[in-house]
């Protein structure tokens, strides 16, 4: 892909605002455990990336979906990195584990539908669940810099819903 993070095409699939830098002067394993679910839980960024990658294998006949999913997956990768850095700052190793449930991420989490409408429905469901998850984290953690990061990520997830909804309507 011949594109960097400032390219015009990429900006159609994310909100063109910087991600707030989170600098913490404390460690909090409980907060890190909470964040780990968004990092590598069932409905996590890791699951979203893997699901979009799988779905992209079945979108060659739908170039608009292929492009959207490709770029949305890249945005989710940015989110994964940001969450991993946050988990480190909070004092845990960002393994592919949900520390709350002590469950390692596994390949059964992503949706493996191969029909376009089913894929897009699952992708929309995942984006909506991600928004709800980040809102829940904001209510649980209540830390300004961390909450600002989650609010910024929510903007991207809402953008993904905005992009995927008309595609779902077109192909359902």
N, C-alpha and C. Protein backbone atom coordinates (compact mmCIF):
# COMPACT_ATOMS: atom_id res chain seq x y z
N UNK A 1 0.85 -1.17 0.00
CA UNK A 1 0.00 0.00 0.00
C UNK A 1 0.89 1.23 0.00
N UNK A 2 0.69 2.10 -0.94
CA UNK A 2 1.49 3.31 -1.04
C UNK A 2 0.76 4.46 -0.35
N UNK A 3 0.88 4.50 0.96
CA UNK A 3 0.17 5.52 1.72
C UNK A 3 0.82 5.65 3.09
N UNK A 4 0.86 6.86 3.60
CA UNK A 4 1.27 7.04 4.98
C UNK A 4 0.06 7.54 5.76
N UNK A 5 0.23 7.80 7.04
CA UNK A 5 -0.90 8.15 7.88
C UNK A 5 -1.46 9.53 7.59
N UNK A 6 -0.86 10.29 6.71
CA UNK A 6 -1.42 11.60 6.39
C UNK A 6 -2.12 11.61 5.04
N UNK A 7 -2.18 10.47 4.37
CA UNK A 7 -2.75 10.47 3.02
C UNK A 7 -4.26 10.71 3.06
N UNK A 8 -4.74 11.29 2.00
CA UNK A 8 -6.15 11.67 1.90
C UNK A 8 -7.08 10.47 2.01
N UNK A 9 -6.73 9.36 1.36
CA UNK A 9 -7.57 8.17 1.40
C UNK A 9 -7.70 7.62 2.82
N UNK A 10 -6.60 7.56 3.51
CA UNK A 10 -6.61 7.04 4.88
C UNK A 10 -7.50 7.87 5.78
N UNK A 11 -7.50 9.17 5.58
CA UNK A 11 -8.26 10.07 6.44
C UNK A 11 -9.77 9.92 6.28
N UNK A 12 -10.22 9.17 5.29
CA UNK A 12 -11.65 8.90 5.15
C UNK A 12 -12.12 7.87 6.18
N UNK A 13 -11.18 7.20 6.82
CA UNK A 13 -11.52 6.08 7.70
C UNK A 13 -11.09 6.30 9.15
N UNK A 14 -10.72 7.50 9.46
CA UNK A 14 -10.38 7.86 10.84
C UNK A 14 -10.71 9.33 11.01
N UNK A 15 -10.75 9.77 12.24
CA UNK A 15 -10.96 11.18 12.53
C UNK A 15 -9.59 11.84 12.47
N UNK A 16 -9.50 12.93 11.75
CA UNK A 16 -8.22 13.60 11.53
C UNK A 16 -7.90 14.53 12.71
N UNK A 17 -7.68 13.91 13.86
CA UNK A 17 -7.28 14.61 15.07
C UNK A 17 -6.15 13.81 15.71
N UNK A 18 -5.24 14.47 16.40
CA UNK A 18 -4.16 13.71 17.05
C UNK A 18 -4.69 12.88 18.21
N UNK A 19 -3.96 11.84 18.52
CA UNK A 19 -4.25 11.06 19.71
C UNK A 19 -3.55 11.72 20.88
N UNK A 20 -4.25 11.92 21.99
CA UNK A 20 -3.60 12.57 23.12
C UNK A 20 -2.47 11.70 23.68
N UNK A 21 -1.40 12.35 24.03
CA UNK A 21 -0.29 11.63 24.64
C UNK A 21 -0.63 11.39 26.11
N UNK A 22 -0.48 10.17 26.53
CA UNK A 22 -0.76 9.82 27.92
C UNK A 22 0.57 9.66 28.64
N UNK A 23 0.82 10.54 29.58
CA UNK A 23 2.02 10.46 30.42
C UNK A 23 1.55 10.31 31.85
N UNK A 24 1.88 9.17 32.44
CA UNK A 24 1.43 8.88 33.79
C UNK A 24 2.60 8.87 34.75
N UNK A 25 2.35 9.34 35.96
CA UNK A 25 3.39 9.29 36.99
C UNK A 25 3.02 8.29 38.08
N UNK A 26 2.25 7.29 37.68
CA UNK A 26 1.84 6.24 38.61
C UNK A 26 1.64 4.94 37.83
N UNK A 27 1.61 3.85 38.57
CA UNK A 27 1.27 2.56 38.00
C UNK A 27 -0.01 2.08 38.68
N UNK A 28 -0.82 1.36 37.93
CA UNK A 28 -2.05 0.86 38.50
C UNK A 28 -2.42 -0.43 37.76
N UNK A 29 -2.11 -1.55 38.38
CA UNK A 29 -2.34 -2.84 37.75
C UNK A 29 -3.83 -3.07 37.48
N UNK A 30 -4.68 -2.57 38.35
CA UNK A 30 -6.12 -2.74 38.14
C UNK A 30 -6.56 -2.04 36.86
N UNK A 31 -6.10 -0.81 36.65
CA UNK A 31 -6.42 -0.10 35.40
C UNK A 31 -5.89 -0.87 34.19
N UNK A 32 -4.66 -1.37 34.32
CA UNK A 32 -4.07 -2.13 33.21
C UNK A 32 -4.90 -3.37 32.90
N UNK A 33 -5.39 -4.04 33.94
CA UNK A 33 -6.24 -5.20 33.74
C UNK A 33 -7.51 -4.82 32.98
N UNK A 34 -8.11 -3.69 33.35
CA UNK A 34 -9.31 -3.23 32.66
C UNK A 34 -9.01 -2.96 31.18
N UNK A 35 -7.91 -2.29 30.91
CA UNK A 35 -7.54 -1.93 29.53
C UNK A 35 -7.22 -3.18 28.71
N UNK A 36 -6.73 -4.22 29.36
CA UNK A 36 -6.33 -5.42 28.63
C UNK A 36 -7.50 -6.06 27.88
N UNK A 37 -8.71 -5.87 28.35
CA UNK A 37 -9.86 -6.40 27.64
C UNK A 37 -10.06 -5.73 26.29
N UNK A 38 -9.79 -4.42 26.22
CA UNK A 38 -9.88 -3.69 24.96
C UNK A 38 -8.68 -4.01 24.07
N UNK A 39 -7.59 -4.39 24.67
CA UNK A 39 -6.36 -4.72 23.94
C UNK A 39 -6.46 -6.11 23.31
N UNK A 40 -6.84 -7.12 24.13
CA UNK A 40 -6.80 -8.50 23.63
C UNK A 40 -7.91 -9.39 24.18
N UNK A 41 -9.03 -8.81 24.53
CA UNK A 41 -10.17 -9.61 24.96
C UNK A 41 -10.99 -10.05 23.76
N UNK A 42 -12.12 -10.64 24.03
CA UNK A 42 -12.99 -11.15 22.96
C UNK A 42 -13.38 -10.03 21.99
N UNK A 43 -13.78 -8.89 22.49
CA UNK A 43 -14.19 -7.77 21.64
C UNK A 43 -13.13 -6.69 21.55
N UNK A 44 -11.91 -7.08 21.36
CA UNK A 44 -10.75 -6.18 21.46
C UNK A 44 -10.29 -5.65 20.11
N UNK A 45 -9.30 -4.77 20.21
CA UNK A 45 -8.64 -4.28 18.99
C UNK A 45 -7.96 -5.43 18.25
N UNK A 46 -7.38 -6.35 18.99
CA UNK A 46 -6.74 -7.51 18.35
C UNK A 46 -7.77 -8.33 17.58
N UNK A 47 -8.94 -8.52 18.16
CA UNK A 47 -10.00 -9.24 17.48
C UNK A 47 -10.46 -8.48 16.24
N UNK A 48 -10.62 -7.17 16.37
CA UNK A 48 -11.06 -6.36 15.22
C UNK A 48 -10.06 -6.46 14.07
N UNK A 49 -8.79 -6.34 14.36
CA UNK A 49 -7.76 -6.42 13.31
C UNK A 49 -7.82 -7.76 12.60
N UNK A 50 -7.91 -8.83 13.38
CA UNK A 50 -7.94 -10.17 12.81
C UNK A 50 -9.22 -10.40 12.01
N UNK A 51 -10.32 -9.93 12.52
CA UNK A 51 -11.60 -10.08 11.82
C UNK A 51 -11.59 -9.32 10.50
N UNK A 52 -11.11 -8.07 10.53
CA UNK A 52 -11.04 -7.29 9.29
C UNK A 52 -10.08 -7.94 8.28
N UNK A 53 -8.99 -8.46 8.76
CA UNK A 53 -8.03 -9.12 7.87
C UNK A 53 -8.67 -10.32 7.20
N UNK A 54 -9.40 -11.13 7.98
CA UNK A 54 -10.09 -12.29 7.42
C UNK A 54 -11.16 -11.84 6.42
N UNK A 55 -11.98 -10.88 6.83
CA UNK A 55 -13.06 -10.43 5.95
C UNK A 55 -12.51 -9.85 4.64
N UNK A 56 -11.37 -9.22 4.73
CA UNK A 56 -10.78 -8.62 3.53
C UNK A 56 -10.44 -9.68 2.48
N UNK A 57 -10.24 -10.91 2.89
CA UNK A 57 -9.95 -12.00 1.94
C UNK A 57 -11.16 -12.33 1.07
N UNK A 58 -12.33 -11.86 1.48
CA UNK A 58 -13.57 -12.18 0.76
C UNK A 58 -14.24 -10.94 0.16
N UNK A 59 -13.48 -9.88 -0.05
CA UNK A 59 -14.09 -8.65 -0.55
C UNK A 59 -13.56 -8.21 -1.91
N UNK A 60 -12.86 -9.07 -2.61
CA UNK A 60 -12.33 -8.70 -3.93
C UNK A 60 -13.41 -8.25 -4.90
N UNK A 61 -14.61 -8.81 -4.77
CA UNK A 61 -15.72 -8.44 -5.66
C UNK A 61 -16.44 -7.17 -5.20
N UNK A 62 -15.99 -6.61 -4.10
CA UNK A 62 -16.61 -5.41 -3.51
C UNK A 62 -15.51 -4.39 -3.21
N UNK A 63 -14.99 -3.71 -4.23
CA UNK A 63 -13.83 -2.84 -4.02
C UNK A 63 -14.04 -1.74 -2.98
N UNK A 64 -15.27 -1.24 -2.85
CA UNK A 64 -15.52 -0.22 -1.84
C UNK A 64 -15.38 -0.79 -0.43
N UNK A 65 -15.82 -2.02 -0.23
CA UNK A 65 -15.68 -2.68 1.07
C UNK A 65 -14.23 -3.05 1.30
N UNK A 66 -13.56 -3.58 0.29
CA UNK A 66 -12.16 -3.95 0.40
C UNK A 66 -11.32 -2.77 0.88
N UNK A 67 -11.53 -1.61 0.28
CA UNK A 67 -10.78 -0.41 0.65
C UNK A 67 -11.11 0.02 2.07
N UNK A 68 -12.38 0.07 2.40
CA UNK A 68 -12.79 0.50 3.74
C UNK A 68 -12.20 -0.40 4.81
N UNK A 69 -12.33 -1.70 4.62
CA UNK A 69 -11.85 -2.64 5.63
C UNK A 69 -10.33 -2.58 5.75
N UNK A 70 -9.65 -2.41 4.65
CA UNK A 70 -8.19 -2.30 4.68
C UNK A 70 -7.76 -1.13 5.57
N UNK A 71 -8.34 0.02 5.34
CA UNK A 71 -7.93 1.21 6.09
C UNK A 71 -8.43 1.18 7.53
N UNK A 72 -9.64 0.68 7.74
CA UNK A 72 -10.14 0.58 9.12
C UNK A 72 -9.24 -0.34 9.93
N UNK A 73 -8.78 -1.42 9.33
CA UNK A 73 -7.88 -2.33 10.03
C UNK A 73 -6.59 -1.62 10.46
N UNK A 74 -6.10 -0.75 9.62
CA UNK A 74 -4.89 0.01 9.97
C UNK A 74 -5.16 0.91 11.16
N UNK A 75 -6.32 1.54 11.18
CA UNK A 75 -6.68 2.39 12.32
C UNK A 75 -6.75 1.55 13.59
N UNK A 76 -7.32 0.37 13.50
CA UNK A 76 -7.40 -0.50 14.67
C UNK A 76 -6.01 -0.90 15.16
N UNK A 77 -5.07 -1.04 14.24
CA UNK A 77 -3.69 -1.34 14.62
C UNK A 77 -3.08 -0.19 15.41
N UNK A 78 -3.39 1.02 15.02
CA UNK A 78 -2.93 2.19 15.78
C UNK A 78 -3.51 2.13 17.20
N UNK A 79 -4.79 1.81 17.31
CA UNK A 79 -5.42 1.70 18.63
C UNK A 79 -4.73 0.62 19.47
N UNK A 80 -4.43 -0.51 18.85
CA UNK A 80 -3.77 -1.60 19.58
C UNK A 80 -2.45 -1.13 20.16
N UNK A 81 -1.68 -0.43 19.35
CA UNK A 81 -0.39 0.08 19.83
C UNK A 81 -0.57 1.06 20.99
N UNK A 82 -1.52 1.96 20.87
CA UNK A 82 -1.77 2.94 21.93
C UNK A 82 -2.18 2.25 23.23
N UNK A 83 -3.01 1.25 23.13
CA UNK A 83 -3.43 0.52 24.33
C UNK A 83 -2.28 -0.28 24.92
N UNK A 84 -1.47 -0.87 24.07
CA UNK A 84 -0.29 -1.60 24.56
C UNK A 84 0.66 -0.69 25.33
N UNK A 85 0.88 0.50 24.79
CA UNK A 85 1.74 1.47 25.49
C UNK A 85 1.13 1.86 26.84
N UNK A 86 -0.20 2.03 26.86
CA UNK A 86 -0.87 2.39 28.10
C UNK A 86 -0.75 1.28 29.14
N UNK A 87 -0.95 0.05 28.71
CA UNK A 87 -0.82 -1.09 29.64
C UNK A 87 0.58 -1.12 30.23
N UNK A 88 1.60 -0.89 29.39
CA UNK A 88 2.99 -0.84 29.89
C UNK A 88 3.16 0.25 30.92
N UNK A 89 2.66 1.45 30.61
CA UNK A 89 2.79 2.56 31.57
C UNK A 89 2.10 2.25 32.89
N UNK A 90 1.01 1.51 32.81
CA UNK A 90 0.26 1.17 34.02
C UNK A 90 0.91 0.03 34.80
N UNK A 91 1.92 -0.61 34.22
CA UNK A 91 2.72 -1.56 34.99
C UNK A 91 2.59 -3.02 34.62
N UNK A 92 1.85 -3.35 33.57
CA UNK A 92 1.76 -4.74 33.15
C UNK A 92 2.39 -4.92 31.78
N UNK A 93 2.69 -6.16 31.44
CA UNK A 93 3.21 -6.49 30.11
C UNK A 93 2.01 -6.64 29.18
N UNK A 94 2.02 -5.94 28.04
CA UNK A 94 0.88 -6.02 27.13
C UNK A 94 0.88 -7.30 26.29
N UNK A 95 0.64 -8.40 26.96
CA UNK A 95 0.51 -9.68 26.27
C UNK A 95 -0.87 -9.74 25.63
N UNK A 96 -1.07 -10.70 24.76
CA UNK A 96 -2.38 -10.88 24.17
C UNK A 96 -3.24 -11.72 25.12
N UNK A 97 -3.59 -11.04 26.21
CA UNK A 97 -4.37 -11.67 27.28
C UNK A 97 -5.32 -10.63 27.86
N UNK A 98 -6.47 -11.09 28.25
CA UNK A 98 -7.37 -10.27 29.05
C UNK A 98 -7.03 -10.61 30.50
N UNK A 99 -6.32 -9.71 31.15
CA UNK A 99 -5.87 -9.97 32.51
C UNK A 99 -7.05 -10.13 33.48
N UNK A 100 -8.16 -9.48 33.20
CA UNK A 100 -9.32 -9.60 34.09
C UNK A 100 -9.82 -11.03 34.17
N UNK A 101 -9.89 -11.70 33.03
CA UNK A 101 -10.42 -13.06 32.99
C UNK A 101 -9.31 -14.11 32.92
N UNK A 102 -8.07 -13.65 32.82
CA UNK A 102 -6.91 -14.53 32.67
C UNK A 102 -7.07 -15.45 31.46
N UNK A 103 -7.59 -14.86 30.37
CA UNK A 103 -7.84 -15.60 29.14
C UNK A 103 -6.99 -15.02 28.02
N UNK A 104 -6.15 -15.87 27.43
CA UNK A 104 -5.36 -15.43 26.29
C UNK A 104 -6.25 -15.26 25.07
N UNK A 105 -5.89 -14.30 24.23
CA UNK A 105 -6.61 -14.08 22.98
C UNK A 105 -6.49 -15.35 22.14
N UNK A 106 -7.57 -15.68 21.40
CA UNK A 106 -7.47 -16.82 20.50
C UNK A 106 -8.29 -16.59 19.24
N UNK A 107 -8.02 -17.41 18.26
CA UNK A 107 -8.60 -17.26 16.93
C UNK A 107 -10.08 -17.55 16.84
N UNK A 108 -10.71 -17.97 17.92
CA UNK A 108 -12.16 -18.17 17.88
C UNK A 108 -12.92 -16.85 18.06
N UNK A 109 -12.22 -15.80 18.46
CA UNK A 109 -12.90 -14.52 18.73
C UNK A 109 -13.40 -13.81 17.47
N UNK A 110 -12.62 -13.72 16.41
CA UNK A 110 -13.11 -13.00 15.23
C UNK A 110 -14.28 -13.73 14.55
N UNK A 111 -15.13 -12.93 13.94
CA UNK A 111 -16.23 -13.47 13.15
C UNK A 111 -15.66 -13.97 11.83
N UNK A 112 -16.01 -15.18 11.44
CA UNK A 112 -15.47 -15.79 10.22
C UNK A 112 -16.50 -15.96 9.12
N UNK A 113 -17.52 -15.09 9.11
CA UNK A 113 -18.49 -15.13 8.01
C UNK A 113 -17.79 -14.78 6.71
N UNK A 114 -18.32 -15.35 5.61
CA UNK A 114 -17.74 -15.06 4.30
C UNK A 114 -18.74 -14.41 3.36
N UNK A 115 -19.97 -14.21 3.80
CA UNK A 115 -20.97 -13.51 3.00
C UNK A 115 -20.92 -12.03 3.34
N UNK A 116 -20.95 -11.19 2.34
CA UNK A 116 -20.69 -9.77 2.50
C UNK A 116 -21.61 -9.12 3.53
N UNK A 117 -22.90 -9.38 3.48
CA UNK A 117 -23.82 -8.74 4.43
C UNK A 117 -23.54 -9.21 5.86
N UNK A 118 -23.25 -10.50 6.02
CA UNK A 118 -22.95 -11.03 7.36
C UNK A 118 -21.64 -10.45 7.90
N UNK A 119 -20.66 -10.30 7.02
CA UNK A 119 -19.38 -9.71 7.44
C UNK A 119 -19.60 -8.27 7.91
N UNK A 120 -20.28 -7.50 7.10
CA UNK A 120 -20.48 -6.09 7.44
C UNK A 120 -21.33 -5.93 8.70
N UNK A 121 -22.31 -6.80 8.86
CA UNK A 121 -23.12 -6.78 10.08
C UNK A 121 -22.25 -7.05 11.31
N UNK A 122 -21.40 -8.05 11.21
CA UNK A 122 -20.50 -8.38 12.32
C UNK A 122 -19.51 -7.24 12.59
N UNK A 123 -19.02 -6.62 11.54
CA UNK A 123 -18.08 -5.51 11.71
C UNK A 123 -18.76 -4.33 12.40
N UNK A 124 -19.99 -4.04 11.99
CA UNK A 124 -20.74 -2.96 12.65
C UNK A 124 -21.00 -3.29 14.11
N UNK A 125 -21.37 -4.52 14.37
CA UNK A 125 -21.61 -4.94 15.75
C UNK A 125 -20.34 -4.78 16.58
N UNK A 126 -19.20 -5.14 16.01
CA UNK A 126 -17.93 -5.00 16.73
C UNK A 126 -17.59 -3.55 17.02
N UNK A 127 -17.84 -2.67 16.07
CA UNK A 127 -17.56 -1.25 16.27
C UNK A 127 -18.46 -0.66 17.35
N UNK A 128 -19.73 -1.03 17.33
CA UNK A 128 -20.66 -0.54 18.37
C UNK A 128 -20.26 -1.05 19.75
N UNK A 129 -19.86 -2.30 19.80
CA UNK A 129 -19.42 -2.88 21.07
C UNK A 129 -18.14 -2.19 21.56
N UNK A 130 -17.26 -1.82 20.64
CA UNK A 130 -16.03 -1.13 21.03
C UNK A 130 -16.35 0.22 21.65
N UNK A 131 -17.28 0.96 21.04
CA UNK A 131 -17.68 2.25 21.61
C UNK A 131 -18.19 2.05 23.04
N UNK A 132 -19.07 1.08 23.22
CA UNK A 132 -19.63 0.81 24.55
C UNK A 132 -18.53 0.40 25.53
N UNK A 133 -17.57 -0.39 25.06
CA UNK A 133 -16.48 -0.83 25.93
C UNK A 133 -15.63 0.35 26.39
N UNK A 134 -15.28 1.24 25.46
CA UNK A 134 -14.48 2.41 25.85
C UNK A 134 -15.27 3.33 26.77
N UNK A 135 -16.55 3.47 26.55
CA UNK A 135 -17.37 4.29 27.45
C UNK A 135 -17.39 3.68 28.85
N UNK A 136 -17.47 2.36 28.91
CA UNK A 136 -17.43 1.67 30.20
C UNK A 136 -16.07 1.89 30.88
N UNK A 137 -14.98 1.81 30.11
CA UNK A 137 -13.65 2.06 30.68
C UNK A 137 -13.54 3.47 31.23
N UNK A 138 -14.09 4.44 30.53
CA UNK A 138 -14.07 5.82 31.01
C UNK A 138 -14.78 5.92 32.36
N UNK A 139 -15.91 5.26 32.50
CA UNK A 139 -16.65 5.32 33.77
C UNK A 139 -15.93 4.56 34.88
N UNK A 140 -15.12 3.56 34.53
CA UNK A 140 -14.41 2.78 35.54
C UNK A 140 -13.10 3.42 35.96
N UNK A 141 -12.38 4.00 35.03
CA UNK A 141 -11.03 4.50 35.32
C UNK A 141 -11.05 5.94 35.81
N UNK A 142 -11.79 6.80 35.19
CA UNK A 142 -11.93 8.19 35.63
C UNK A 142 -10.59 8.88 35.84
N UNK A 143 -9.75 8.84 34.82
CA UNK A 143 -8.47 9.52 34.84
C UNK A 143 -8.39 10.37 33.58
N UNK A 144 -8.20 11.67 33.73
CA UNK A 144 -8.25 12.61 32.62
C UNK A 144 -7.47 12.21 31.38
N UNK A 145 -6.15 12.00 31.49
CA UNK A 145 -5.37 11.65 30.31
C UNK A 145 -5.78 10.31 29.68
N UNK A 146 -6.09 9.33 30.50
CA UNK A 146 -6.51 8.03 29.98
C UNK A 146 -7.87 8.16 29.31
N UNK A 147 -8.78 8.85 29.99
CA UNK A 147 -10.12 9.06 29.42
C UNK A 147 -10.04 9.81 28.09
N UNK A 148 -9.15 10.77 27.99
CA UNK A 148 -8.99 11.53 26.74
C UNK A 148 -8.57 10.60 25.60
N UNK A 149 -7.69 9.67 25.89
CA UNK A 149 -7.28 8.70 24.87
C UNK A 149 -8.48 7.85 24.44
N UNK A 150 -9.24 7.36 25.41
CA UNK A 150 -10.40 6.54 25.08
C UNK A 150 -11.42 7.34 24.27
N UNK A 151 -11.64 8.59 24.65
CA UNK A 151 -12.60 9.42 23.91
C UNK A 151 -12.13 9.62 22.46
N UNK A 152 -10.84 9.77 22.28
CA UNK A 152 -10.30 9.94 20.92
C UNK A 152 -10.47 8.65 20.11
N UNK A 153 -10.22 7.51 20.73
CA UNK A 153 -10.41 6.23 20.05
C UNK A 153 -11.89 6.05 19.69
N UNK A 154 -12.79 6.43 20.59
CA UNK A 154 -14.22 6.34 20.31
C UNK A 154 -14.58 7.10 19.04
N UNK A 155 -13.96 8.26 18.83
CA UNK A 155 -14.23 9.04 17.61
C UNK A 155 -13.93 8.21 16.36
N UNK A 156 -12.82 7.48 16.38
CA UNK A 156 -12.49 6.62 15.24
C UNK A 156 -13.51 5.50 15.08
N UNK A 157 -13.89 4.87 16.20
CA UNK A 157 -14.85 3.77 16.13
C UNK A 157 -16.19 4.27 15.59
N UNK A 158 -16.59 5.47 15.99
CA UNK A 158 -17.83 6.05 15.46
C UNK A 158 -17.69 6.37 13.97
N UNK A 159 -16.51 6.78 13.56
CA UNK A 159 -16.25 7.02 12.13
C UNK A 159 -16.39 5.70 11.36
N UNK A 160 -15.91 4.62 11.93
CA UNK A 160 -16.01 3.32 11.28
C UNK A 160 -17.48 2.93 11.11
N UNK A 161 -18.29 3.20 12.11
CA UNK A 161 -19.73 2.94 12.00
C UNK A 161 -20.32 3.77 10.87
N UNK A 162 -19.91 5.02 10.79
CA UNK A 162 -20.38 5.93 9.74
C UNK A 162 -20.01 5.41 8.35
N UNK A 163 -18.83 4.84 8.22
CA UNK A 163 -18.36 4.31 6.93
C UNK A 163 -19.03 2.97 6.60
N UNK A 164 -19.15 2.10 7.59
CA UNK A 164 -19.65 0.74 7.35
C UNK A 164 -21.17 0.68 7.16
N UNK A 165 -21.90 1.58 7.79
CA UNK A 165 -23.36 1.52 7.73
C UNK A 165 -23.89 1.61 6.30
N UNK A 166 -23.46 2.59 5.48
CA UNK A 166 -23.98 2.61 4.11
C UNK A 166 -23.51 1.41 3.27
N UNK A 167 -22.35 0.86 3.58
CA UNK A 167 -21.91 -0.34 2.87
C UNK A 167 -22.81 -1.52 3.23
N UNK A 168 -23.13 -1.65 4.49
CA UNK A 168 -24.06 -2.70 4.91
C UNK A 168 -25.41 -2.52 4.22
N UNK A 169 -25.92 -1.30 4.23
CA UNK A 169 -27.22 -1.03 3.57
C UNK A 169 -27.16 -1.37 2.07
N UNK A 170 -26.04 -1.12 1.45
CA UNK A 170 -25.89 -1.38 0.02
C UNK A 170 -25.88 -2.88 -0.30
N UNK A 171 -25.27 -3.69 0.57
CA UNK A 171 -25.05 -5.10 0.25
C UNK A 171 -25.89 -6.09 1.04
N UNK A 172 -26.76 -5.61 1.89
CA UNK A 172 -27.56 -6.57 2.69
C UNK A 172 -28.65 -7.21 1.89
